[in-house]
Amino acid sequence: MVHILDDAEWCDSLDRKGYFKSLTLFPEECIEGLSLSEFLKIDHLKAASFNSIILIGSNESAVAGFILRDWLLNESHVPIYVSRDSELPIFVDDKCLVIALSNTGDTFETLNAFNEAVNRKCNSIVIASGGELLQLASDYGYPYVKLPGNINNSESLPYQLFTLATIVKKLGLLKEKIWELDESIRILEEIRSEAMGNFNRNFIKKLAVELEGYTPLIYGPQLYRSIIRRMCSEFNLNSKLLSSSGFFPEYVKNGIMVMESSNDNLKRIGLIIIRDAEQEKTYLKNLVGLMVLANERLGKVVEIESRGKGRLSRMLSMLYIGEFLSYYLAMLYGKDPSSIETVRALEIYNQ
């Protein structure tokens, strides 16, 4: 008998806008993102000419910024900050490099922050598909990268992230990390191949079945802060599930107290633990203790091992697995992953 997650007709009937198809294009979109800024001329911008990088953006754009920040945390001598607000932080001045990201180019918060950057005479780079932001960059003579105009916000992450990676490479901030870009794409292609297989040979489909009926609680190392935040968002958006998260080793001291909740509450939780051998060295004993307690008290406990050698590969492997997992959970719950009916309902109150 064909498993429901192998029933293409059933899945297509729910996935009305083709989310799954767009998900399978993720590796190619990363490759395209690398090429988009290939001819960007920023020779006048060198790492020595600014003391920090401020990435301004919201939603997917902010996620791209957070991933870049976490990836290069132990590599870049220039601090990288991410701002989602419509106002720039007070410390931003003409010694900061501002990179403004917006898929549409018309995001209010990003436009407002970018105009502040112009007024503060910051060196700036713009990444957008068009809109007012790209027009402003052209008018003021700032370098910019034009994203494809036919992608929606949910599809823009790989383009923006790998465009950012090319930019920081041109700025001389990647140094020994350039090889991680190729490794990441190779790992993404491997995961895609597995994630598209039949149920019996598909670990992500099996994970979805294990987690069906539980509220996802995701825990992992600090390296995965941006990835776990993204996973929670995808469970919200695609699977229509409440989800929560925490990070090691902080969780062992604080979040562990959730184990004293009522048995009824605990049995509804499906704990997802992100495993990373490199990151776990400092808290492995506590992690083992946590897993013993979790298996005794929670409804379900699953582990997902990150892949790759480099930090970026390990991060993106978890991100991509999470994307497919949220999709398959949506199918199990009979939900359209692209549906935003509640968002539309909320918009009525903003008119």
C-alpha atoms as a PDB file:
ATOM      1  CA  MET A   1       0.000   0.000   0.000  1.00  0.00           C
ATOM      2  CA  VAL A   2       1.307   3.457  -0.910  1.00  0.00           C
ATOM      3  CA  HIS A   3       2.054   5.657   2.109  1.00  0.00           C
ATOM      4  CA  ILE A   4       0.103   8.905   2.122  1.00  0.00           C
ATOM      5  CA  LEU A   5       3.349  10.913   1.886  1.00  0.00           C
ATOM      6  CA  ASP A   6       4.206   8.989  -1.304  1.00  0.00           C
ATOM      7  CA  ASP A   7       0.811   9.799  -2.827  1.00  0.00           C
ATOM      8  CA  ALA A   8       1.713  12.582  -5.271  1.00  0.00           C
ATOM      9  CA  GLU A   9      -1.909  13.212  -6.208  1.00  0.00           C
ATOM     10  CA  TRP A  10      -2.894  13.732  -2.571  1.00  0.00           C
ATOM     11  CA  CYS A  11       0.036  16.028  -1.867  1.00  0.00           C
ATOM     12  CA  ASP A  12      -0.552  18.080  -5.017  1.00  0.00           C
ATOM     13  CA  SER A  13      -4.205  18.539  -4.079  1.00  0.00           C
ATOM     14  CA  LEU A  14      -3.098  20.217  -0.835  1.00  0.00           C
ATOM     15  CA  ASP A  15      -0.006  22.013  -2.146  1.00  0.00           C
ATOM     16  CA  ARG A  16      -1.947  24.310  -4.473  1.00  0.00           C
ATOM     17  CA  LYS A  17       0.869  26.783  -5.151  1.00  0.00           C
ATOM     18  CA  GLY A  18       3.630  24.241  -5.671  1.00  0.00           C
ATOM     19  CA  TYR A  19       5.611  24.840  -2.473  1.00  0.00           C
ATOM     20  CA  PHE A  20       7.273  21.422  -2.744  1.00  0.00           C
ATOM     21  CA  LYS A  21       8.520  22.112  -6.251  1.00  0.00           C
ATOM     22  CA  SER A  22      10.042  25.423  -5.173  1.00  0.00           C
ATOM     23  CA  LEU A  23      11.639  23.656  -2.202  1.00  0.00           C
ATOM     24  CA  THR A  24      13.424  21.222  -4.491  1.00  0.00           C
ATOM     25  CA  LEU A  25      15.049  24.125  -6.347  1.00  0.00           C
ATOM     26  CA  PHE A  26      16.883  25.367  -3.245  1.00  0.00           C
ATOM     27  CA  PRO A  27      20.392  24.143  -4.271  1.00  0.00           C
ATOM     28  CA  GLU A  28      20.123  25.696  -7.748  1.00  0.00           C
ATOM     29  CA  GLU A  29      18.923  28.958  -6.205  1.00  0.00           C
ATOM     30  CA  CYS A  30      22.023  28.979  -3.996  1.00  0.00           C
ATOM     31  CA  ILE A  31      24.210  28.578  -7.084  1.00  0.00           C
ATOM     32  CA  GLU A  32      22.355  31.388  -8.831  1.00  0.00           C
ATOM     33  CA  GLY A  33      22.752  33.554  -5.738  1.00  0.00           C
ATOM     34  CA  LEU A  34      26.522  33.155  -6.012  1.00  0.00           C
ATOM     35  CA  SER A  35      26.492  34.345  -9.606  1.00  0.00           C
ATOM     36  CA  LEU A  36      24.169  37.335  -9.109  1.00  0.00           C
ATOM     37  CA  SER A  37      26.863  39.468  -7.481  1.00  0.00           C
ATOM     38  CA  GLU A  38      29.758  38.158  -9.565  1.00  0.00           C
ATOM     39  CA  PHE A  39      30.145  41.448 -11.390  1.00  0.00           C
ATOM     40  CA  LEU A  40      29.308  43.718  -8.451  1.00  0.00           C
ATOM     41  CA  LYS A  41      31.963  46.420  -8.291  1.00  0.00           C
ATOM     42  CA  ILE A  42      32.857  47.103  -4.660  1.00  0.00           C
ATOM     43  CA  ASP A  43      36.628  47.420  -4.917  1.00  0.00           C
ATOM     44  CA  HIS A  44      36.356  50.717  -3.061  1.00  0.00           C
ATOM     45  CA  LEU A  45      34.964  48.862  -0.060  1.00  0.00           C
ATOM     46  CA  LYS A  46      37.585  46.959   1.863  1.00  0.00           C
ATOM     47  CA  ALA A  47      37.297  45.457   5.310  1.00  0.00           C
ATOM     48  CA  ALA A  48      39.763  48.014   6.649  1.00  0.00           C
ATOM     49  CA  SER A  49      37.531  50.908   5.615  1.00  0.00           C
ATOM     50  CA  PHE A  50      34.640  50.114   7.979  1.00  0.00           C
ATOM     51  CA  ASN A  51      34.410  48.872  11.548  1.00  0.00           C
ATOM     52  CA  SER A  52      31.144  46.916  11.347  1.00  0.00           C
ATOM     53  CA  ILE A  53      28.542  45.558   8.940  1.00  0.00           C
ATOM     54  CA  ILE A  54      24.856  46.255   9.511  1.00  0.00           C
ATOM     55  CA  LEU A  55      22.403  44.061   7.624  1.00  0.00           C
ATOM     56  CA  ILE A  56      18.948  45.610   7.468  1.00  0.00           C
ATOM     57  CA  GLY A  57      15.929  43.573   6.449  1.00  0.00           C
ATOM     58  CA  SER A  58      12.869  41.726   7.695  1.00  0.00           C
ATOM     59  CA  ASN A  59      11.386  38.242   7.324  1.00  0.00           C
ATOM     60  CA  GLU A  60      13.469  36.117   4.893  1.00  0.00           C
ATOM     61  CA  SER A  61      15.985  38.935   4.494  1.00  0.00           C
ATOM     62  CA  ALA A  62      16.626  39.027   8.226  1.00  0.00           C
ATOM     63  CA  VAL A  63      17.013  35.232   8.292  1.00  0.00           C
ATOM     64  CA  ALA A  64      19.705  35.455   5.592  1.00  0.00           C
ATOM     65  CA  GLY A  65      21.490  38.063   7.697  1.00  0.00           C
ATOM     66  CA  PHE A  66      21.311  36.016  10.892  1.00  0.00           C
ATOM     67  CA  ILE A  67      22.676  32.925   9.134  1.00  0.00           C
ATOM     68  CA  LEU A  68      25.590  34.939   7.732  1.00  0.00           C
ATOM     69  CA  ARG A  69      26.276  36.411  11.170  1.00  0.00           C
ATOM     70  CA  ASP A  70      26.275  33.034  12.930  1.00  0.00           C
ATOM     71  CA  TRP A  71      28.340  31.384  10.213  1.00  0.00           C
ATOM     72  CA  LEU A  72      31.138  33.975  10.375  1.00  0.00           C
ATOM     73  CA  LEU A  73      31.015  34.629  14.112  1.00  0.00           C
ATOM     74  CA  ASN A  74      34.415  32.989  14.673  1.00  0.00           C
ATOM     75  CA  GLU A  75      35.884  34.057  11.342  1.00  0.00           C
ATOM     76  CA  SER A  76      35.179  37.713  10.628  1.00  0.00           C
ATOM     77  CA  HIS A  77      37.137  40.313  12.576  1.00  0.00           C
ATOM     78  CA  VAL A  78      34.489  42.816  11.534  1.00  0.00           C
ATOM     79  CA  PRO A  79      31.356  42.409  13.693  1.00  0.00           C
ATOM     80  CA  ILE A  80      28.123  41.700  11.812  1.00  0.00           C
ATOM     81  CA  TYR A  81      24.803  42.979  13.147  1.00  0.00           C
ATOM     82  CA  VAL A  82      21.260  42.404  11.910  1.00  0.00           C
ATOM     83  CA  SER A  83      18.530  45.022  12.313  1.00  0.00           C
ATOM     84  CA  ARG A  84      14.852  44.346  11.556  1.00  0.00           C
ATOM     85  CA  ASP A  85      13.684  47.749  12.709  1.00  0.00           C
ATOM     86  CA  SER A  86      12.656  50.790  10.705  1.00  0.00           C
ATOM     87  CA  GLU A  87      15.281  52.799  12.617  1.00  0.00           C
ATOM     88  CA  LEU A  88      19.008  52.168  12.567  1.00  0.00           C
ATOM     89  CA  PRO A  89      20.809  51.493  15.857  1.00  0.00           C
ATOM     90  CA  ILE A  90      22.273  54.665  17.352  1.00  0.00           C
ATOM     91  CA  PHE A  91      25.885  53.476  16.887  1.00  0.00           C
ATOM     92  CA  VAL A  92      25.616  53.262  13.082  1.00  0.00           C
ATOM     93  CA  ASP A  93      27.678  56.010  11.424  1.00  0.00           C
ATOM     94  CA  ASP A  94      29.816  56.634   8.349  1.00  0.00           C
ATOM     95  CA  LYS A  95      32.330  54.031   9.530  1.00  0.00           C
ATOM     96  CA  CYS A  96      29.721  51.252   9.165  1.00  0.00           C
ATOM     97  CA  LEU A  97      28.890  49.326   6.012  1.00  0.00           C
ATOM     98  CA  VAL A  98      25.133  48.952   5.571  1.00  0.00           C
ATOM     99  CA  ILE A  99      23.703  46.151   3.426  1.00  0.00           C
ATOM    100  CA  ALA A 100      19.980  46.578   2.783  1.00  0.00           C
ATOM    101  CA  LEU A 101      18.021  43.459   1.788  1.00  0.00           C
ATOM    102  CA  SER A 102      14.444  43.284   0.549  1.00  0.00           C
ATOM    103  CA  ASN A 103      13.003  40.823  -1.936  1.00  0.00           C
ATOM    104  CA  THR A 104      10.364  43.243  -3.235  1.00  0.00           C
ATOM    105  CA  GLY A 105      12.367  46.394  -2.635  1.00  0.00           C
ATOM    106  CA  ASP A 106       9.324  47.995  -1.013  1.00  0.00           C
ATOM    107  CA  THR A 107       9.556  46.778   2.582  1.00  0.00           C
ATOM    108  CA  PHE A 108       8.674  49.775   4.759  1.00  0.00           C
ATOM    109  CA  GLU A 109      11.100  49.049   7.603  1.00  0.00           C
ATOM    110  CA  THR A 110      14.017  48.452   5.248  1.00  0.00           C
ATOM    111  CA  LEU A 111      13.301  51.563   3.185  1.00  0.00           C
ATOM    112  CA  ASN A 112      13.133  53.739   6.273  1.00  0.00           C
ATOM    113  CA  ALA A 113      16.354  52.327   7.717  1.00  0.00           C
ATOM    114  CA  PHE A 114      18.127  52.683   4.372  1.00  0.00           C
ATOM    115  CA  ASN A 115      17.151  56.356   4.142  1.00  0.00           C
ATOM    116  CA  GLU A 116      18.642  56.833   7.607  1.00  0.00           C
ATOM    117  CA  ALA A 117      21.844  55.181   6.390  1.00  0.00           C
ATOM    118  CA  VAL A 118      21.974  57.628   3.491  1.00  0.00           C
ATOM    119  CA  ASN A 119      21.519  60.565   5.869  1.00  0.00           C
ATOM    120  CA  ARG A 120      24.308  59.249   8.109  1.00  0.00           C
ATOM    121  CA  LYS A 121      26.579  58.956   5.046  1.00  0.00           C
ATOM    122  CA  CYS A 122      27.126  55.207   5.456  1.00  0.00           C
ATOM    123  CA  ASN A 123      28.699  53.152   2.711  1.00  0.00           C
ATOM    124  CA  SER A 124      25.850  50.959   1.491  1.00  0.00           C
ATOM    125  CA  ILE A 125      25.009  48.010  -0.742  1.00  0.00           C
ATOM    126  CA  VAL A 126      21.474  47.065  -1.779  1.00  0.00           C
ATOM    127  CA  ILE A 127      20.045  43.615  -2.590  1.00  0.00           C
ATOM    128  CA  ALA A 128      16.505  43.618  -4.022  1.00  0.00           C
ATOM    129  CA  SER A 129      14.456  42.504  -7.018  1.00  0.00           C
ATOM    130  CA  GLY A 130      13.251  46.025  -7.759  1.00  0.00           C
ATOM    131  CA  GLY A 131      10.936  48.480  -6.071  1.00  0.00           C
ATOM    132  CA  GLU A 132      11.782  51.750  -4.389  1.00  0.00           C
ATOM    133  CA  LEU A 133      14.894  50.389  -2.677  1.00  0.00           C
ATOM    134  CA  LEU A 134      16.614  49.509  -5.942  1.00  0.00           C
ATOM    135  CA  GLN A 135      15.594  52.854  -7.402  1.00  0.00           C
ATOM    136  CA  LEU A 136      17.099  54.694  -4.424  1.00  0.00           C
ATOM    137  CA  ALA A 137      20.354  52.753  -4.781  1.00  0.00           C
ATOM    138  CA  SER A 138      20.520  53.721  -8.437  1.00  0.00           C
ATOM    139  CA  ASP A 139      19.681  57.374  -7.720  1.00  0.00           C
ATOM    140  CA  TYR A 140      22.318  57.688  -4.987  1.00  0.00           C
ATOM    141  CA  GLY A 141      24.949  55.720  -6.880  1.00  0.00           C
ATOM    142  CA  TYR A 142      25.209  52.847  -4.400  1.00  0.00           C
ATOM    143  CA  PRO A 143      26.224  49.393  -5.689  1.00  0.00           C
ATOM    144  CA  TYR A 144      23.323  46.941  -5.860  1.00  0.00           C
ATOM    145  CA  VAL A 145      22.440  43.374  -6.766  1.00  0.00           C
ATOM    146  CA  LYS A 146      19.176  42.731  -8.593  1.00  0.00           C
ATOM    147  CA  LEU A 147      17.387  39.552  -7.488  1.00  0.00           C
ATOM    148  CA  PRO A 148      15.129  37.635  -9.912  1.00  0.00           C
ATOM    149  CA  GLY A 149      11.755  39.341 -10.125  1.00  0.00           C
ATOM    150  CA  ASN A 150       9.653  36.176 -10.278  1.00  0.00           C
ATOM    151  CA  ILE A 151      10.314  34.793  -6.780  1.00  0.00           C
ATOM    152  CA  ASN A 152       8.121  35.193  -3.725  1.00  0.00           C
ATOM    153  CA  ASN A 153       9.402  36.039  -0.266  1.00  0.00           C
ATOM    154  CA  SER A 154       9.581  32.413   0.892  1.00  0.00           C
ATOM    155  CA  GLU A 155      11.827  31.538  -2.075  1.00  0.00           C
ATOM    156  CA  SER A 156      14.207  34.458  -1.654  1.00  0.00           C
ATOM    157  CA  LEU A 157      16.350  33.061   1.197  1.00  0.00           C
ATOM    158  CA  PRO A 158      18.905  31.062  -0.867  1.00  0.00           C
ATOM    159  CA  TYR A 159      19.326  33.934  -3.329  1.00  0.00           C
ATOM    160  CA  GLN A 160      19.887  36.487  -0.585  1.00  0.00           C
ATOM    161  CA  LEU A 161      22.145  34.310   1.572  1.00  0.00           C
ATOM    162  CA  PHE A 162      24.506  33.285  -1.223  1.00  0.00           C
ATOM    163  CA  THR A 163      24.530  36.789  -2.669  1.00  0.00           C
ATOM    164  CA  LEU A 164      25.636  37.965   0.781  1.00  0.00           C
ATOM    165  CA  ALA A 165      28.289  35.254   0.836  1.00  0.00           C
ATOM    166  CA  THR A 166      29.725  36.494  -2.463  1.00  0.00           C
ATOM    167  CA  ILE A 167      29.738  40.068  -1.194  1.00  0.00           C
ATOM    168  CA  VAL A 168      31.645  39.230   2.001  1.00  0.00           C
ATOM    169  CA  LYS A 169      34.056  37.191  -0.107  1.00  0.00           C
ATOM    170  CA  LYS A 170      34.705  40.245  -2.274  1.00  0.00           C
ATOM    171  CA  LEU A 171      35.235  42.262   0.901  1.00  0.00           C
ATOM    172  CA  GLY A 172      37.929  39.824   1.990  1.00  0.00           C
ATOM    173  CA  LEU A 173      36.066  38.526   5.040  1.00  0.00           C
ATOM    174  CA  LEU A 174      35.744  34.839   4.109  1.00  0.00           C
ATOM    175  CA  LYS A 175      39.443  34.020   4.021  1.00  0.00           C
ATOM    176  CA  GLU A 176      39.625  30.255   4.588  1.00  0.00           C
ATOM    177  CA  LYS A 177      35.858  29.740   4.450  1.00  0.00           C
ATOM    178  CA  ILE A 178      35.314  29.889   0.678  1.00  0.00           C
ATOM    179  CA  TRP A 179      35.366  26.082   0.340  1.00  0.00           C
ATOM    180  CA  GLU A 180      32.304  25.909   2.583  1.00  0.00           C
ATOM    181  CA  LEU A 181      30.103  27.336  -0.161  1.00  0.00           C
ATOM    182  CA  ASP A 182      30.740  24.398  -2.502  1.00  0.00           C
ATOM    183  CA  GLU A 183      30.414  21.877   0.322  1.00  0.00           C
ATOM    184  CA  SER A 184      27.093  23.388   1.385  1.00  0.00           C
ATOM    185  CA  ILE A 185      25.596  23.072  -2.081  1.00  0.00           C
ATOM    186  CA  ARG A 186      26.771  19.455  -2.344  1.00  0.00           C
ATOM    187  CA  ILE A 187      25.188  18.625   1.038  1.00  0.00           C
ATOM    188  CA  LEU A 188      21.941  20.335   0.033  1.00  0.00           C
ATOM    189  CA  GLU A 189      21.809  18.254  -3.150  1.00  0.00           C
ATOM    190  CA  GLU A 190      22.320  15.051  -1.132  1.00  0.00           C
ATOM    191  CA  ILE A 191      19.513  15.948   1.269  1.00  0.00           C
ATOM    192  CA  ARG A 192      17.176  16.807  -1.601  1.00  0.00           C
ATOM    193  CA  SER A 193      17.790  13.417  -3.204  1.00  0.00           C
ATOM    194  CA  GLU A 194      16.943  11.638   0.051  1.00  0.00           C
ATOM    195  CA  ALA A 195      13.969  13.883   0.870  1.00  0.00           C
ATOM    196  CA  MET A 196      12.310  13.141  -2.481  1.00  0.00           C
ATOM    197  CA  GLY A 197      12.550   9.360  -2.075  1.00  0.00           C
ATOM    198  CA  ASN A 198       9.834   6.890  -1.138  1.00  0.00           C
ATOM    199  CA  PHE A 199       8.801   6.508   2.487  1.00  0.00           C
ATOM    200  CA  ASN A 200      10.815   3.359   3.179  1.00  0.00           C
ATOM    201  CA  ARG A 201      14.052   5.151   2.233  1.00  0.00           C
ATOM    202  CA  ASN A 202      13.152   8.661   3.390  1.00  0.00           C
ATOM    203  CA  PHE A 203      14.268   9.609   6.883  1.00  0.00           C
ATOM    204  CA  ILE A 204      12.474  12.984   6.772  1.00  0.00           C
ATOM    205  CA  LYS A 205       9.104  11.444   5.955  1.00  0.00           C
ATOM    206  CA  LYS A 206       9.648   8.998   8.817  1.00  0.00           C
ATOM    207  CA  LEU A 207      10.493  11.882  11.151  1.00  0.00           C
ATOM    208  CA  ALA A 208       7.264  13.625  10.162  1.00  0.00           C
ATOM    209  CA  VAL A 209       5.243  10.522  11.019  1.00  0.00           C
ATOM    210  CA  GLU A 210       7.004  10.244  14.393  1.00  0.00           C
ATOM    211  CA  LEU A 211       6.234  13.883  15.215  1.00  0.00           C
ATOM    212  CA  GLU A 212       2.621  13.884  14.022  1.00  0.00           C
ATOM    213  CA  GLY A 213       0.323  14.794  16.895  1.00  0.00           C
ATOM    214  CA  TYR A 214       3.032  16.470  18.978  1.00  0.00           C
ATOM    215  CA  THR A 215       3.965  20.108  19.553  1.00  0.00           C
ATOM    216  CA  PRO A 216       7.529  20.587  18.249  1.00  0.00           C
ATOM    217  CA  LEU A 217      10.126  21.782  20.753  1.00  0.00           C
ATOM    218  CA  ILE A 218      13.512  22.287  19.087  1.00  0.00           C
ATOM    219  CA  TYR A 219      16.810  22.371  20.965  1.00  0.00           C
ATOM    220  CA  GLY A 220      20.312  22.706  19.602  1.00  0.00           C
ATOM    221  CA  PRO A 221      23.701  24.425  19.957  1.00  0.00           C
ATOM    222  CA  GLN A 222      24.121  28.197  19.802  1.00  0.00           C
ATOM    223  CA  LEU A 223      25.527  27.864  16.268  1.00  0.00           C
ATOM    224  CA  TYR A 224      22.013  26.955  15.126  1.00  0.00           C
ATOM    225  CA  ARG A 225      20.177  29.943  16.613  1.00  0.00           C
ATOM    226  CA  SER A 226      19.122  31.345  13.238  1.00  0.00           C
ATOM    227  CA  ILE A 227      18.339  27.891  11.849  1.00  0.00           C
ATOM    228  CA  ILE A 228      16.155  26.910  14.795  1.00  0.00           C
ATOM    229  CA  ARG A 229      14.315  30.215  14.562  1.00  0.00           C
ATOM    230  CA  ARG A 230      13.676  29.474  10.898  1.00  0.00           C
ATOM    231  CA  MET A 231      12.499  25.933  11.683  1.00  0.00           C
ATOM    232  CA  CYS A 232      10.001  27.258  14.224  1.00  0.00           C
ATOM    233  CA  SER A 233       8.710  29.744  11.665  1.00  0.00           C
ATOM    234  CA  GLU A 234       8.313  27.027   9.040  1.00  0.00           C
ATOM    235  CA  PHE A 235       6.340  24.850  11.447  1.00  0.00           C
ATOM    236  CA  ASN A 236       4.101  27.886  12.033  1.00  0.00           C
ATOM    237  CA  LEU A 237       3.765  28.880   8.376  1.00  0.00           C
ATOM    238  CA  ASN A 238       3.723  25.552   6.570  1.00  0.00           C
ATOM    239  CA  SER A 239       2.514  22.980   9.093  1.00  0.00           C
ATOM    240  CA  LYS A 240       0.256  25.423  10.985  1.00  0.00           C
ATOM    241  CA  LEU A 241       1.803  24.192  14.242  1.00  0.00           C
ATOM    242  CA  LEU A 242       2.722  25.930  17.457  1.00  0.00           C
ATOM    243  CA  SER A 243       6.433  25.412  18.137  1.00  0.00           C
ATOM    244  CA  SER A 244       9.088  26.557  20.570  1.00  0.00           C
ATOM    245  CA  SER A 245      12.857  26.355  20.949  1.00  0.00           C
ATOM    246  CA  GLY A 246      15.900  26.662  23.182  1.00  0.00           C
ATOM    247  CA  PHE A 247      19.673  26.465  22.957  1.00  0.00           C
ATOM    248  CA  PHE A 248      22.460  24.511  24.635  1.00  0.00           C
ATOM    249  CA  PRO A 249      24.082  24.856  27.099  1.00  0.00           C
ATOM    250  CA  GLU A 250      21.675  27.510  28.438  1.00  0.00           C
ATOM    251  CA  TYR A 251      18.725  25.131  28.215  1.00  0.00           C
ATOM    252  CA  VAL A 252      20.333  22.639  30.621  1.00  0.00           C
ATOM    253  CA  LYS A 253      20.300  25.287  33.368  1.00  0.00           C
ATOM    254  CA  ASN A 254      16.930  26.931  32.703  1.00  0.00           C
ATOM    255  CA  GLY A 255      14.716  25.200  30.166  1.00  0.00           C
ATOM    256  CA  ILE A 256      15.145  21.828  31.864  1.00  0.00           C
ATOM    257  CA  MET A 257      12.620  22.998  34.454  1.00  0.00           C
ATOM    258  CA  VAL A 258       9.832  22.408  31.936  1.00  0.00           C
ATOM    259  CA  MET A 259      10.198  18.762  32.951  1.00  0.00           C
ATOM    260  CA  GLU A 260       8.331  19.651  36.160  1.00  0.00           C
ATOM    261  CA  SER A 261       5.174  20.536  34.222  1.00  0.00           C
ATOM    262  CA  SER A 262       2.116  18.299  34.403  1.00  0.00           C
ATOM    263  CA  ASN A 263       2.317  14.913  32.735  1.00  0.00           C
ATOM    264  CA  ASP A 264      -0.525  15.842  30.355  1.00  0.00           C
ATOM    265  CA  ASN A 265       1.428  18.846  29.060  1.00  0.00           C
ATOM    266  CA  LEU A 266       4.701  16.965  28.736  1.00  0.00           C
ATOM    267  CA  LYS A 267       3.201  14.094  26.759  1.00  0.00           C
ATOM    268  CA  ARG A 268       2.086  16.533  24.048  1.00  0.00           C
ATOM    269  CA  ILE A 269       5.668  17.678  23.357  1.00  0.00           C
ATOM    270  CA  GLY A 270       7.784  16.283  20.538  1.00  0.00           C
ATOM    271  CA  LEU A 271      11.395  17.222  21.319  1.00  0.00           C
ATOM    272  CA  ILE A 272      13.702  17.660  18.325  1.00  0.00           C
ATOM    273  CA  ILE A 273      17.376  17.644  19.316  1.00  0.00           C
ATOM    274  CA  ILE A 274      19.914  18.935  16.802  1.00  0.00           C
ATOM    275  CA  ARG A 275      23.125  16.954  17.136  1.00  0.00           C
ATOM    276  CA  ASP A 276      26.507  18.444  16.257  1.00  0.00           C
ATOM    277  CA  ALA A 277      29.574  16.572  17.497  1.00  0.00           C
ATOM    278  CA  GLU A 278      31.828  19.628  17.278  1.00  0.00           C
ATOM    279  CA  GLN A 279      29.490  21.872  19.250  1.00  0.00           C
ATOM    280  CA  GLU A 280      28.590  19.253  21.882  1.00  0.00           C
ATOM    281  CA  LYS A 281      32.082  18.832  23.302  1.00  0.00           C
ATOM    282  CA  THR A 282      31.497  21.296  26.156  1.00  0.00           C
ATOM    283  CA  TYR A 283      28.112  19.977  27.323  1.00  0.00           C
ATOM    284  CA  LEU A 284      27.907  16.339  26.208  1.00  0.00           C
ATOM    285  CA  LYS A 285      27.354  14.934  29.715  1.00  0.00           C
ATOM    286  CA  ASN A 286      24.481  17.323  30.342  1.00  0.00           C
ATOM    287  CA  LEU A 287      23.011  16.476  26.950  1.00  0.00           C
ATOM    288  CA  VAL A 288      23.053  12.766  27.760  1.00  0.00           C
ATOM    289  CA  GLY A 289      21.279  13.510  31.057  1.00  0.00           C
ATOM    290  CA  LEU A 290      18.695  15.647  29.285  1.00  0.00           C
ATOM    291  CA  MET A 291      17.938  12.900  26.779  1.00  0.00           C
ATOM    292  CA  VAL A 292      17.387  10.370  29.560  1.00  0.00           C
ATOM    293  CA  LEU A 293      14.907  12.691  31.290  1.00  0.00           C
ATOM    294  CA  ALA A 294      13.223  13.664  28.033  1.00  0.00           C
ATOM    295  CA  ASN A 295      12.680  10.055  26.977  1.00  0.00           C
ATOM    296  CA  GLU A 296      11.118   9.344  30.362  1.00  0.00           C
ATOM    297  CA  ARG A 297       8.807  12.346  30.503  1.00  0.00           C
ATOM    298  CA  LEU A 298       8.061  13.765  27.048  1.00  0.00           C
ATOM    299  CA  GLY A 299       5.722  12.390  24.396  1.00  0.00           C
ATOM    300  CA  LYS A 300       8.388  11.959  21.744  1.00  0.00           C
ATOM    301  CA  VAL A 301      12.130  12.580  21.359  1.00  0.00           C
ATOM    302  CA  VAL A 302      13.921  12.569  17.999  1.00  0.00           C
ATOM    303  CA  GLU A 303      17.480  13.464  17.046  1.00  0.00           C
ATOM    304  CA  ILE A 304      18.703  14.991  13.792  1.00  0.00           C
ATOM    305  CA  GLU A 305      22.408  14.939  12.971  1.00  0.00           C
ATOM    306  CA  SER A 306      23.835  17.878  11.057  1.00  0.00           C
ATOM    307  CA  ARG A 307      25.960  17.132   8.016  1.00  0.00           C
ATOM    308  CA  GLY A 308      29.191  18.421   6.591  1.00  0.00           C
ATOM    309  CA  LYS A 309      32.507  19.636   7.907  1.00  0.00           C
ATOM    310  CA  GLY A 310      32.109  23.415   7.683  1.00  0.00           C
ATOM    311  CA  ARG A 311      29.870  25.544   9.866  1.00  0.00           C
ATOM    312  CA  LEU A 312      27.754  26.692   6.922  1.00  0.00           C
ATOM    313  CA  SER A 313      27.185  23.150   5.641  1.00  0.00           C
ATOM    314  CA  ARG A 314      26.102  21.958   9.052  1.00  0.00           C
ATOM    315  CA  MET A 315      23.749  24.906   9.487  1.00  0.00           C
ATOM    316  CA  LEU A 316      22.167  24.652   6.042  1.00  0.00           C
ATOM    317  CA  SER A 317      21.785  20.885   6.271  1.00  0.00           C
ATOM    318  CA  MET A 318      19.548  21.404   9.302  1.00  0.00           C
ATOM    319  CA  LEU A 319      17.684  24.247   7.641  1.00  0.00           C
ATOM    320  CA  TYR A 320      16.889  22.158   4.546  1.00  0.00           C
ATOM    321  CA  ILE A 321      15.846  19.126   6.560  1.00  0.00           C
ATOM    322  CA  GLY A 322      13.562  21.425   8.568  1.00  0.00           C
ATOM    323  CA  GLU A 323      11.990  22.827   5.389  1.00  0.00           C
ATOM    324  CA  PHE A 324      11.099  19.360   4.094  1.00  0.00           C
ATOM    325  CA  LEU A 325       9.953  18.252   7.542  1.00  0.00           C
ATOM    326  CA  SER A 326       7.523  21.175   7.826  1.00  0.00           C
ATOM    327  CA  TYR A 327       6.140  20.319   4.379  1.00  0.00           C
ATOM    328  CA  TYR A 328       5.561  16.638   5.159  1.00  0.00           C
ATOM    329  CA  LEU A 329       3.908  17.534   8.461  1.00  0.00           C
ATOM    330  CA  ALA A 330       1.597  19.873   6.545  1.00  0.00           C
ATOM    331  CA  MET A 331       0.638  16.959   4.293  1.00  0.00           C
ATOM    332  CA  LEU A 332      -0.063  14.710   7.277  1.00  0.00           C
ATOM    333  CA  TYR A 333      -2.311  17.377   8.805  1.00  0.00           C
ATOM    334  CA  GLY A 334      -4.045  18.060   5.494  1.00  0.00           C
ATOM    335  CA  LYS A 335      -2.795  21.655   5.284  1.00  0.00           C
ATOM    336  CA  ASP A 336      -1.767  23.777   2.322  1.00  0.00           C
ATOM    337  CA  PRO A 337       1.777  24.948   3.212  1.00  0.00           C
ATOM    338  CA  SER A 338       1.306  28.162   1.214  1.00  0.00           C
ATOM    339  CA  SER A 339      -2.022  29.143   2.756  1.00  0.00           C
ATOM    340  CA  ILE A 340      -1.996  32.487   4.609  1.00  0.00           C
ATOM    341  CA  GLU A 341      -5.711  32.901   5.233  1.00  0.00           C
ATOM    342  CA  THR A 342      -5.206  34.054   8.831  1.00  0.00           C
ATOM    343  CA  VAL A 343      -2.713  36.692   7.707  1.00  0.00           C
ATOM    344  CA  ARG A 344      -5.279  37.970   5.223  1.00  0.00           C
ATOM    345  CA  ALA A 345      -7.932  38.018   7.959  1.00  0.00           C
ATOM    346  CA  LEU A 346      -5.620  40.065  10.176  1.00  0.00           C
ATOM    347  CA  GLU A 347      -4.996  42.579   7.392  1.00  0.00           C
ATOM    348  CA  ILE A 348      -8.629  43.651   7.609  1.00  0.00           C
ATOM    349  CA  TYR A 349      -7.872  45.267  10.964  1.00  0.00           C
ATOM    350  CA  ASN A 350      -5.008  47.272   9.477  1.00  0.00           C
ATOM    351  CA  GLN A 351      -7.104  48.942   6.824  1.00  0.00           C
END
